[in-house]
């Protein structure tokens, strides 16, 4: 386990950059989720970048809606969406206000509060699986739509905080196609992960849904 050596919260300026710069720079950072039962800390090991109106895979490519409204706001805030009628996923808004870019948090290593995460992730076979995938990550951290719009640049003790942690050296970062993205957006190599980290989720290409018969 790699300890988070720097507990300084990331600044608004960190997120106010092009999404393809922010995404790989999030690897190794520490996400702190403060719950009524105590804190859970996560070392980020896998993320995906979504480049707003320039990206067919982005929720914001067709404009502003009540669902994606947070993406058009200030950087450093949390965008949470509900998917497949059962799961939540968590993103961090990047770039200047009005330019709806974001980074999907795909996986991480729970470094503190694993006992709390286990209570929410009863199907995990071991601690490496607690946050191995975006829905699992959100479930382990007790993240749902009530946290949509939360400021992740807040000090520790807030519902969600991103700390400097231990940034990953560039030679440890790998990138490739995003998981499950269809069409033109499926070709972008905008998934970033820490090489050989056991908490990184497996890549899966998009599989079209079969029509009901």
C-alpha atoms as a PDB file:
ATOM      1  CA  UNK A   1       0.000   0.000   0.000  1.00  0.00           C
ATOM      2  CA  UNK A   2       1.311   3.460  -0.889  1.00  0.00           C
ATOM      3  CA  UNK A   3       0.785   6.131   1.744  1.00  0.00           C
ATOM      4  CA  UNK A   4      -0.573   9.559   0.841  1.00  0.00           C
ATOM      5  CA  UNK A   5       2.328  11.784   1.874  1.00  0.00           C
ATOM      6  CA  UNK A   6       0.771  15.208   1.226  1.00  0.00           C
ATOM      7  CA  UNK A   7      -2.607  16.089   2.720  1.00  0.00           C
ATOM      8  CA  UNK A   8      -2.869  19.511   1.102  1.00  0.00           C
ATOM      9  CA  UNK A   9      -6.208  19.866  -0.747  1.00  0.00           C
ATOM     10  CA  UNK A  10      -5.912  20.285  -4.500  1.00  0.00           C
ATOM     11  CA  UNK A  11      -6.666  23.817  -5.640  1.00  0.00           C
ATOM     12  CA  UNK A  12      -9.266  25.136  -8.049  1.00  0.00           C
ATOM     13  CA  UNK A  13      -6.392  25.964 -10.412  1.00  0.00           C
ATOM     14  CA  UNK A  14      -5.423  22.292 -10.552  1.00  0.00           C
ATOM     15  CA  UNK A  15      -8.784  21.488 -12.144  1.00  0.00           C
ATOM     16  CA  UNK A  16      -8.935  24.644 -14.280  1.00  0.00           C
ATOM     17  CA  UNK A  17      -6.796  23.053 -17.006  1.00  0.00           C
ATOM     18  CA  UNK A  18      -7.440  20.972 -20.140  1.00  0.00           C
ATOM     19  CA  UNK A  19      -9.062  17.698 -19.162  1.00  0.00           C
ATOM     20  CA  UNK A  20      -6.331  15.638 -20.847  1.00  0.00           C
ATOM     21  CA  UNK A  21      -3.794  17.296 -18.547  1.00  0.00           C
ATOM     22  CA  UNK A  22      -5.876  16.862 -15.399  1.00  0.00           C
ATOM     23  CA  UNK A  23      -6.871  13.215 -15.914  1.00  0.00           C
ATOM     24  CA  UNK A  24      -3.440  11.518 -15.720  1.00  0.00           C
ATOM     25  CA  UNK A  25      -2.384  13.987 -13.020  1.00  0.00           C
ATOM     26  CA  UNK A  26      -5.174  12.657 -10.763  1.00  0.00           C
ATOM     27  CA  UNK A  27      -3.503   9.243 -10.500  1.00  0.00           C
ATOM     28  CA  UNK A  28      -2.043   8.723  -7.043  1.00  0.00           C
ATOM     29  CA  UNK A  29      -4.106  11.521  -5.519  1.00  0.00           C
ATOM     30  CA  UNK A  30      -6.117  10.913  -2.352  1.00  0.00           C
ATOM     31  CA  UNK A  31      -9.907  11.210  -2.319  1.00  0.00           C
ATOM     32  CA  UNK A  32     -11.403  11.590   1.153  1.00  0.00           C
ATOM     33  CA  UNK A  33     -15.080  10.810   1.663  1.00  0.00           C
ATOM     34  CA  UNK A  34     -16.413  11.921   5.039  1.00  0.00           C
ATOM     35  CA  UNK A  35     -19.492   9.925   6.056  1.00  0.00           C
ATOM     36  CA  UNK A  36     -21.564   9.976   9.272  1.00  0.00           C
ATOM     37  CA  UNK A  37     -19.815   6.718  10.216  1.00  0.00           C
ATOM     38  CA  UNK A  38     -16.320   8.032   9.569  1.00  0.00           C
ATOM     39  CA  UNK A  39     -13.924   8.828   6.717  1.00  0.00           C
ATOM     40  CA  UNK A  40     -12.972   6.602   3.803  1.00  0.00           C
ATOM     41  CA  UNK A  41      -9.798   7.379   1.850  1.00  0.00           C
ATOM     42  CA  UNK A  42      -9.035   6.237  -1.666  1.00  0.00           C
ATOM     43  CA  UNK A  43      -5.855   6.400  -3.756  1.00  0.00           C
ATOM     44  CA  UNK A  44      -6.920   6.977  -7.365  1.00  0.00           C
ATOM     45  CA  UNK A  45      -5.525   4.368  -9.778  1.00  0.00           C
ATOM     46  CA  UNK A  46      -7.716   4.673 -12.913  1.00  0.00           C
ATOM     47  CA  UNK A  47      -9.613   7.531 -14.576  1.00  0.00           C
ATOM     48  CA  UNK A  48     -11.200   8.479 -17.913  1.00  0.00           C
ATOM     49  CA  UNK A  49     -11.284  11.912 -19.552  1.00  0.00           C
ATOM     50  CA  UNK A  50     -14.391  13.346 -21.280  1.00  0.00           C
ATOM     51  CA  UNK A  51     -13.915  16.467 -23.386  1.00  0.00           C
ATOM     52  CA  UNK A  52     -17.395  17.984 -23.363  1.00  0.00           C
ATOM     53  CA  UNK A  53     -18.771  19.292 -26.689  1.00  0.00           C
ATOM     54  CA  UNK A  54     -15.689  17.986 -28.536  1.00  0.00           C
ATOM     55  CA  UNK A  55     -16.331  14.426 -27.373  1.00  0.00           C
ATOM     56  CA  UNK A  56     -19.126  12.174 -28.688  1.00  0.00           C
ATOM     57  CA  UNK A  57     -18.731  10.019 -25.574  1.00  0.00           C
ATOM     58  CA  UNK A  58     -19.468  12.872 -23.176  1.00  0.00           C
ATOM     59  CA  UNK A  59     -22.822  13.496 -21.492  1.00  0.00           C
ATOM     60  CA  UNK A  60     -22.359  17.169 -22.410  1.00  0.00           C
ATOM     61  CA  UNK A  61     -21.770  16.755 -26.144  1.00  0.00           C
ATOM     62  CA  UNK A  62     -25.360  17.737 -26.964  1.00  0.00           C
ATOM     63  CA  UNK A  63     -25.610  20.659 -24.575  1.00  0.00           C
ATOM     64  CA  UNK A  64     -26.776  21.529 -21.097  1.00  0.00           C
ATOM     65  CA  UNK A  65     -29.492  19.518 -19.334  1.00  0.00           C
ATOM     66  CA  UNK A  66     -30.702  19.221 -15.725  1.00  0.00           C
ATOM     67  CA  UNK A  67     -28.697  15.995 -15.467  1.00  0.00           C
ATOM     68  CA  UNK A  68     -25.326  17.405 -16.566  1.00  0.00           C
ATOM     69  CA  UNK A  69     -25.733  20.987 -15.305  1.00  0.00           C
ATOM     70  CA  UNK A  70     -22.823  20.698 -12.853  1.00  0.00           C
ATOM     71  CA  UNK A  71     -20.409  20.026 -15.724  1.00  0.00           C
ATOM     72  CA  UNK A  72     -20.986  23.582 -16.999  1.00  0.00           C
ATOM     73  CA  UNK A  73     -20.105  25.113 -13.646  1.00  0.00           C
ATOM     74  CA  UNK A  74     -16.823  25.868 -11.884  1.00  0.00           C
ATOM     75  CA  UNK A  75     -13.978  23.330 -12.024  1.00  0.00           C
ATOM     76  CA  UNK A  76     -13.241  21.145  -9.024  1.00  0.00           C
ATOM     77  CA  UNK A  77     -16.858  20.185  -8.389  1.00  0.00           C
ATOM     78  CA  UNK A  78     -18.336  16.696  -8.427  1.00  0.00           C
ATOM     79  CA  UNK A  79     -20.687  15.473 -11.151  1.00  0.00           C
ATOM     80  CA  UNK A  80     -22.624  12.363 -10.111  1.00  0.00           C
ATOM     81  CA  UNK A  81     -24.922  10.519 -12.499  1.00  0.00           C
ATOM     82  CA  UNK A  82     -27.200   7.504 -12.247  1.00  0.00           C
ATOM     83  CA  UNK A  83     -26.793   4.762 -14.836  1.00  0.00           C
ATOM     84  CA  UNK A  84     -28.465   1.490 -15.864  1.00  0.00           C
ATOM     85  CA  UNK A  85     -31.223   2.186 -13.348  1.00  0.00           C
ATOM     86  CA  UNK A  86     -29.086   1.012 -10.431  1.00  0.00           C
ATOM     87  CA  UNK A  87     -25.580   2.549 -10.195  1.00  0.00           C
ATOM     88  CA  UNK A  88     -24.010   5.922  -9.502  1.00  0.00           C
ATOM     89  CA  UNK A  89     -20.755   7.146 -11.047  1.00  0.00           C
ATOM     90  CA  UNK A  90     -18.566  10.035  -9.931  1.00  0.00           C
ATOM     91  CA  UNK A  91     -16.742  12.625 -12.044  1.00  0.00           C
ATOM     92  CA  UNK A  92     -14.629  15.711 -11.386  1.00  0.00           C
ATOM     93  CA  UNK A  93     -15.350  18.828 -13.458  1.00  0.00           C
ATOM     94  CA  UNK A  94     -12.327  20.310 -15.262  1.00  0.00           C
ATOM     95  CA  UNK A  95     -11.483  23.291 -17.440  1.00  0.00           C
ATOM     96  CA  UNK A  96     -12.936  26.803 -17.374  1.00  0.00           C
ATOM     97  CA  UNK A  97     -16.520  27.412 -16.295  1.00  0.00           C
ATOM     98  CA  UNK A  98     -18.891  26.917 -19.205  1.00  0.00           C
ATOM     99  CA  UNK A  99     -16.675  24.308 -20.884  1.00  0.00           C
ATOM    100  CA  UNK A 100     -18.214  21.021 -19.668  1.00  0.00           C
ATOM    101  CA  UNK A 101     -15.256  18.666 -19.342  1.00  0.00           C
ATOM    102  CA  UNK A 102     -14.830  16.026 -16.673  1.00  0.00           C
ATOM    103  CA  UNK A 103     -12.872  13.036 -15.422  1.00  0.00           C
ATOM    104  CA  UNK A 104     -14.666   9.820 -14.507  1.00  0.00           C
ATOM    105  CA  UNK A 105     -13.146   8.164 -11.432  1.00  0.00           C
ATOM    106  CA  UNK A 106     -12.899   4.528 -12.504  1.00  0.00           C
ATOM    107  CA  UNK A 107     -10.950   2.785  -9.754  1.00  0.00           C
ATOM    108  CA  UNK A 108      -8.860   3.182  -6.646  1.00  0.00           C
ATOM    109  CA  UNK A 109      -7.234   1.573  -3.629  1.00  0.00           C
ATOM    110  CA  UNK A 110      -9.047   2.059  -0.327  1.00  0.00           C
ATOM    111  CA  UNK A 111      -6.270   3.123   2.050  1.00  0.00           C
ATOM    112  CA  UNK A 112      -8.342   4.103   5.105  1.00  0.00           C
ATOM    113  CA  UNK A 113     -11.829   3.133   6.233  1.00  0.00           C
ATOM    114  CA  UNK A 114     -11.856  -0.228   4.458  1.00  0.00           C
ATOM    115  CA  UNK A 115     -14.176  -1.634   7.124  1.00  0.00           C
ATOM    116  CA  UNK A 116     -16.791   0.961   6.132  1.00  0.00           C
ATOM    117  CA  UNK A 117     -16.325   0.279   2.418  1.00  0.00           C
ATOM    118  CA  UNK A 118     -16.701  -3.477   2.984  1.00  0.00           C
ATOM    119  CA  UNK A 119     -20.142  -2.932   4.519  1.00  0.00           C
ATOM    120  CA  UNK A 120     -21.282  -1.321   1.271  1.00  0.00           C
ATOM    121  CA  UNK A 121     -19.441  -3.701  -1.053  1.00  0.00           C
ATOM    122  CA  UNK A 122     -20.487  -7.081   0.338  1.00  0.00           C
ATOM    123  CA  UNK A 123     -19.839  -8.827  -3.000  1.00  0.00           C
ATOM    124  CA  UNK A 124     -16.141  -7.806  -3.080  1.00  0.00           C
ATOM    125  CA  UNK A 125     -13.970 -10.904  -2.766  1.00  0.00           C
ATOM    126  CA  UNK A 126     -11.068  -8.901  -1.335  1.00  0.00           C
ATOM    127  CA  UNK A 127     -10.092  -5.303  -0.604  1.00  0.00           C
ATOM    128  CA  UNK A 128      -8.552  -4.846  -4.057  1.00  0.00           C
ATOM    129  CA  UNK A 129     -12.078  -5.160  -5.497  1.00  0.00           C
ATOM    130  CA  UNK A 130     -13.735  -2.621  -3.203  1.00  0.00           C
ATOM    131  CA  UNK A 131     -13.418   0.230  -5.734  1.00  0.00           C
ATOM    132  CA  UNK A 132     -12.416  -1.662  -8.894  1.00  0.00           C
ATOM    133  CA  UNK A 133     -14.747   0.031 -11.397  1.00  0.00           C
ATOM    134  CA  UNK A 134     -16.655   3.339 -11.376  1.00  0.00           C
ATOM    135  CA  UNK A 135     -19.916   2.034  -9.882  1.00  0.00           C
ATOM    136  CA  UNK A 136     -18.025   0.030  -7.275  1.00  0.00           C
ATOM    137  CA  UNK A 137     -15.985   3.105  -6.375  1.00  0.00           C
ATOM    138  CA  UNK A 138     -19.103   5.210  -5.861  1.00  0.00           C
ATOM    139  CA  UNK A 139     -20.786   2.444  -3.851  1.00  0.00           C
ATOM    140  CA  UNK A 140     -17.751   1.904  -1.620  1.00  0.00           C
ATOM    141  CA  UNK A 141     -17.609   5.644  -0.876  1.00  0.00           C
ATOM    142  CA  UNK A 142     -21.370   6.026  -0.341  1.00  0.00           C
ATOM    143  CA  UNK A 143     -21.683   8.454  -3.266  1.00  0.00           C
ATOM    144  CA  UNK A 144     -25.069   9.205  -4.817  1.00  0.00           C
ATOM    145  CA  UNK A 145     -26.860  12.113  -6.481  1.00  0.00           C
ATOM    146  CA  UNK A 146     -27.097  14.023  -3.182  1.00  0.00           C
ATOM    147  CA  UNK A 147     -23.388  14.773  -3.686  1.00  0.00           C
ATOM    148  CA  UNK A 148     -23.857  16.138  -7.218  1.00  0.00           C
ATOM    149  CA  UNK A 149     -22.317  19.616  -7.264  1.00  0.00           C
ATOM    150  CA  UNK A 150     -20.169  19.098  -4.151  1.00  0.00           C
ATOM    151  CA  UNK A 151     -16.945  21.127  -4.062  1.00  0.00           C
ATOM    152  CA  UNK A 152     -14.003  18.687  -4.027  1.00  0.00           C
ATOM    153  CA  UNK A 153     -11.544  21.511  -3.307  1.00  0.00           C
ATOM    154  CA  UNK A 154     -12.978  21.955   0.189  1.00  0.00           C
ATOM    155  CA  UNK A 155     -10.811  21.304   3.266  1.00  0.00           C
ATOM    156  CA  UNK A 156     -10.801  17.951   5.015  1.00  0.00           C
ATOM    157  CA  UNK A 157     -14.005  17.304   6.924  1.00  0.00           C
ATOM    158  CA  UNK A 158     -16.183  18.274   3.964  1.00  0.00           C
ATOM    159  CA  UNK A 159     -18.213  15.484   2.316  1.00  0.00           C
ATOM    160  CA  UNK A 160     -15.562  15.070  -0.409  1.00  0.00           C
ATOM    161  CA  UNK A 161     -11.999  16.380  -0.608  1.00  0.00           C
ATOM    162  CA  UNK A 162      -9.169  15.757  -3.102  1.00  0.00           C
ATOM    163  CA  UNK A 163      -5.736  15.812  -1.490  1.00  0.00           C
ATOM    164  CA  UNK A 164      -2.354  16.093  -3.186  1.00  0.00           C
ATOM    165  CA  UNK A 165      -1.458  12.565  -2.079  1.00  0.00           C
ATOM    166  CA  UNK A 166       1.479  10.943  -3.875  1.00  0.00           C
ATOM    167  CA  UNK A 167       1.404  11.854  -7.588  1.00  0.00           C
ATOM    168  CA  UNK A 168       2.430   9.084  -9.962  1.00  0.00           C
ATOM    169  CA  UNK A 169       5.506   9.507 -12.166  1.00  0.00           C
ATOM    170  CA  UNK A 170       4.708   9.679 -15.868  1.00  0.00           C
ATOM    171  CA  UNK A 171       6.573   6.443 -16.611  1.00  0.00           C
ATOM    172  CA  UNK A 172       4.044   4.565 -14.455  1.00  0.00           C
ATOM    173  CA  UNK A 173       1.019   5.918 -16.360  1.00  0.00           C
ATOM    174  CA  UNK A 174      -0.575   3.957 -19.189  1.00  0.00           C
ATOM    175  CA  UNK A 175      -3.422   4.986 -21.470  1.00  0.00           C
ATOM    176  CA  UNK A 176      -5.818   3.347 -23.909  1.00  0.00           C
ATOM    177  CA  UNK A 177      -9.419   3.362 -25.186  1.00  0.00           C
ATOM    178  CA  UNK A 178     -12.173   4.186 -22.737  1.00  0.00           C
ATOM    179  CA  UNK A 179     -14.236   1.321 -21.395  1.00  0.00           C
ATOM    180  CA  UNK A 180     -17.652   0.685 -22.939  1.00  0.00           C
ATOM    181  CA  UNK A 181     -17.752   3.865 -25.060  1.00  0.00           C
ATOM    182  CA  UNK A 182     -19.531   3.435 -28.404  1.00  0.00           C
ATOM    183  CA  UNK A 183     -19.214   5.129 -31.794  1.00  0.00           C
ATOM    184  CA  UNK A 184     -16.703   7.845 -32.615  1.00  0.00           C
ATOM    185  CA  UNK A 185     -15.937   8.393 -28.932  1.00  0.00           C
ATOM    186  CA  UNK A 186     -14.775   4.816 -28.541  1.00  0.00           C
ATOM    187  CA  UNK A 187     -11.488   5.392 -30.348  1.00  0.00           C
ATOM    188  CA  UNK A 188     -10.091   8.063 -28.012  1.00  0.00           C
ATOM    189  CA  UNK A 189      -7.240   6.707 -25.829  1.00  0.00           C
ATOM    190  CA  UNK A 190      -8.416   8.759 -22.864  1.00  0.00           C
ATOM    191  CA  UNK A 191      -8.451   6.101 -20.172  1.00  0.00           C
ATOM    192  CA  UNK A 192      -5.446   6.461 -17.850  1.00  0.00           C
ATOM    193  CA  UNK A 193      -4.261   4.007 -15.205  1.00  0.00           C
ATOM    194  CA  UNK A 194      -1.296   3.098 -13.018  1.00  0.00           C
ATOM    195  CA  UNK A 195       0.676   0.313 -14.646  1.00  0.00           C
ATOM    196  CA  UNK A 196       0.333  -3.106 -12.980  1.00  0.00           C
ATOM    197  CA  UNK A 197      -1.851  -1.807 -10.159  1.00  0.00           C
ATOM    198  CA  UNK A 198      -4.168  -4.611  -8.959  1.00  0.00           C
ATOM    199  CA  UNK A 199      -7.105  -2.276  -8.315  1.00  0.00           C
ATOM    200  CA  UNK A 200      -7.396  -1.150 -11.965  1.00  0.00           C
ATOM    201  CA  UNK A 201     -10.546  -2.450 -13.659  1.00  0.00           C
ATOM    202  CA  UNK A 202     -10.390  -4.666 -16.772  1.00  0.00           C
ATOM    203  CA  UNK A 203     -10.933  -3.034 -20.145  1.00  0.00           C
ATOM    204  CA  UNK A 204     -14.193  -3.887 -21.905  1.00  0.00           C
ATOM    205  CA  UNK A 205     -15.142  -2.662 -25.355  1.00  0.00           C
ATOM    206  CA  UNK A 206     -18.658  -1.402 -25.973  1.00  0.00           C
ATOM    207  CA  UNK A 207     -21.189  -4.178 -26.544  1.00  0.00           C
ATOM    208  CA  UNK A 208     -24.425  -3.102 -28.250  1.00  0.00           C
ATOM    209  CA  UNK A 209     -27.556  -4.050 -26.373  1.00  0.00           C
ATOM    210  CA  UNK A 210     -29.648  -6.687 -28.055  1.00  0.00           C
ATOM    211  CA  UNK A 211     -33.198  -5.601 -28.811  1.00  0.00           C
ATOM    212  CA  UNK A 212     -35.878  -7.296 -26.757  1.00  0.00           C
ATOM    213  CA  UNK A 213     -37.885  -9.925 -28.577  1.00  0.00           C
END
